[in-house]
N, C-alpha and C. Protein backbone atom coordinates (compact mmCIF):
# COMPACT_ATOMS: atom_id res chain seq x y z
N MET A 1 -201.17 12.68 -237.64
CA MET A 1 -200.93 14.10 -237.49
C MET A 1 -199.80 14.34 -236.51
N GLU A 2 -198.89 15.19 -236.90
CA GLU A 2 -197.78 15.52 -236.02
C GLU A 2 -198.00 16.92 -235.47
N VAL A 3 -198.02 17.03 -234.16
CA VAL A 3 -198.21 18.33 -233.50
C VAL A 3 -196.85 18.88 -233.13
N THR A 4 -196.57 20.09 -233.57
CA THR A 4 -195.30 20.71 -233.21
C THR A 4 -195.55 21.78 -232.17
N ASN A 5 -194.53 22.07 -231.39
CA ASN A 5 -194.67 23.04 -230.32
C ASN A 5 -194.94 24.45 -230.81
N ASN A 6 -194.53 24.76 -232.04
CA ASN A 6 -194.72 26.12 -232.52
C ASN A 6 -196.08 26.35 -233.18
N MET A 7 -196.91 25.31 -233.22
CA MET A 7 -198.26 25.48 -233.77
C MET A 7 -199.19 25.98 -232.66
N SER A 8 -200.00 26.95 -233.00
CA SER A 8 -200.96 27.45 -232.02
C SER A 8 -202.14 26.49 -231.92
N PHE A 9 -202.92 26.67 -230.90
CA PHE A 9 -204.13 25.86 -230.74
C PHE A 9 -205.02 26.01 -231.97
N ALA A 10 -205.16 27.24 -232.46
CA ALA A 10 -206.00 27.49 -233.63
C ALA A 10 -205.49 26.73 -234.84
N ASP A 11 -204.16 26.71 -235.03
CA ASP A 11 -203.58 25.98 -236.15
C ASP A 11 -203.83 24.48 -236.01
N ASN A 12 -203.66 23.96 -234.80
CA ASN A 12 -203.91 22.54 -234.55
C ASN A 12 -205.36 22.19 -234.83
N LEU A 13 -206.27 23.03 -234.35
CA LEU A 13 -207.70 22.79 -234.54
C LEU A 13 -208.05 22.80 -236.02
N LYS A 14 -207.52 23.76 -236.75
CA LYS A 14 -207.80 23.86 -238.18
C LYS A 14 -207.29 22.61 -238.91
N GLN A 15 -206.10 22.17 -238.57
CA GLN A 15 -205.53 20.98 -239.20
C GLN A 15 -206.39 19.75 -238.91
N LEU A 16 -206.80 19.60 -237.65
CA LEU A 16 -207.64 18.46 -237.29
C LEU A 16 -208.99 18.51 -237.99
N ARG A 17 -209.57 19.71 -238.07
CA ARG A 17 -210.85 19.86 -238.79
C ARG A 17 -210.72 19.41 -240.22
N LYS A 18 -209.64 19.84 -240.88
CA LYS A 18 -209.44 19.49 -242.29
C LYS A 18 -209.20 17.99 -242.46
N GLU A 19 -208.44 17.39 -241.54
CA GLU A 19 -208.19 15.95 -241.62
C GLU A 19 -209.47 15.15 -241.48
N HIS A 20 -210.42 15.68 -240.72
CA HIS A 20 -211.69 14.98 -240.50
C HIS A 20 -212.81 15.53 -241.39
N HIS A 21 -212.43 16.39 -242.33
CA HIS A 21 -213.37 16.95 -243.31
C HIS A 21 -214.58 17.61 -242.63
N LEU A 22 -214.29 18.44 -241.63
CA LEU A 22 -215.34 19.15 -240.91
C LEU A 22 -215.23 20.66 -241.14
N SER A 23 -216.35 21.28 -241.40
CA SER A 23 -216.37 22.74 -241.47
C SER A 23 -216.43 23.29 -240.05
N GLN A 24 -216.20 24.59 -239.93
CA GLN A 24 -216.34 25.22 -238.61
C GLN A 24 -217.75 25.03 -238.08
N GLU A 25 -218.71 25.14 -238.95
CA GLU A 25 -220.11 24.98 -238.54
C GLU A 25 -220.39 23.56 -238.05
N GLU A 26 -219.86 22.56 -238.76
CA GLU A 26 -220.08 21.17 -238.35
C GLU A 26 -219.42 20.89 -237.01
N LEU A 27 -218.20 21.39 -236.82
CA LEU A 27 -217.52 21.19 -235.54
C LEU A 27 -218.28 21.89 -234.42
N ALA A 28 -218.77 23.08 -234.68
CA ALA A 28 -219.53 23.82 -233.68
C ALA A 28 -220.77 23.04 -233.25
N GLU A 29 -221.44 22.42 -234.21
CA GLU A 29 -222.62 21.60 -233.88
C GLU A 29 -222.24 20.43 -232.99
N ILE A 30 -221.14 19.76 -233.31
CA ILE A 30 -220.68 18.62 -232.52
C ILE A 30 -220.37 19.06 -231.09
N LEU A 31 -219.73 20.23 -230.96
CA LEU A 31 -219.31 20.73 -229.64
C LEU A 31 -220.42 21.50 -228.92
N ASP A 32 -221.54 21.72 -229.62
CA ASP A 32 -222.67 22.47 -229.08
C ASP A 32 -222.27 23.89 -228.69
N VAL A 33 -221.54 24.54 -229.62
CA VAL A 33 -221.17 25.94 -229.45
C VAL A 33 -221.49 26.65 -230.76
N SER A 34 -221.37 27.97 -230.76
CA SER A 34 -221.63 28.73 -231.99
C SER A 34 -220.47 28.58 -232.95
N ARG A 35 -220.73 28.81 -234.24
CA ARG A 35 -219.66 28.78 -235.24
C ARG A 35 -218.63 29.85 -234.92
N GLN A 36 -219.10 30.99 -234.40
CA GLN A 36 -218.19 32.08 -234.07
C GLN A 36 -217.21 31.65 -232.97
N ALA A 37 -217.66 30.82 -232.04
CA ALA A 37 -216.78 30.34 -230.98
C ALA A 37 -215.66 29.47 -231.56
N VAL A 38 -215.97 28.71 -232.60
CA VAL A 38 -214.97 27.85 -233.23
C VAL A 38 -213.98 28.69 -234.03
N SER A 39 -214.45 29.77 -234.62
CA SER A 39 -213.60 30.57 -235.52
C SER A 39 -212.63 31.47 -234.77
N LYS A 40 -212.79 31.63 -233.45
CA LYS A 40 -211.92 32.53 -232.69
C LYS A 40 -210.62 31.89 -232.30
């Protein structure tokens, strides 16, 4: 994965989630936060 300076944190997170085949809900479970916290 190549991170560019013009990508926002949200864009980076979404790209990483997709590369690891994780839904927002799955990532939220791993991080022990709500799905809404991941989606913001």
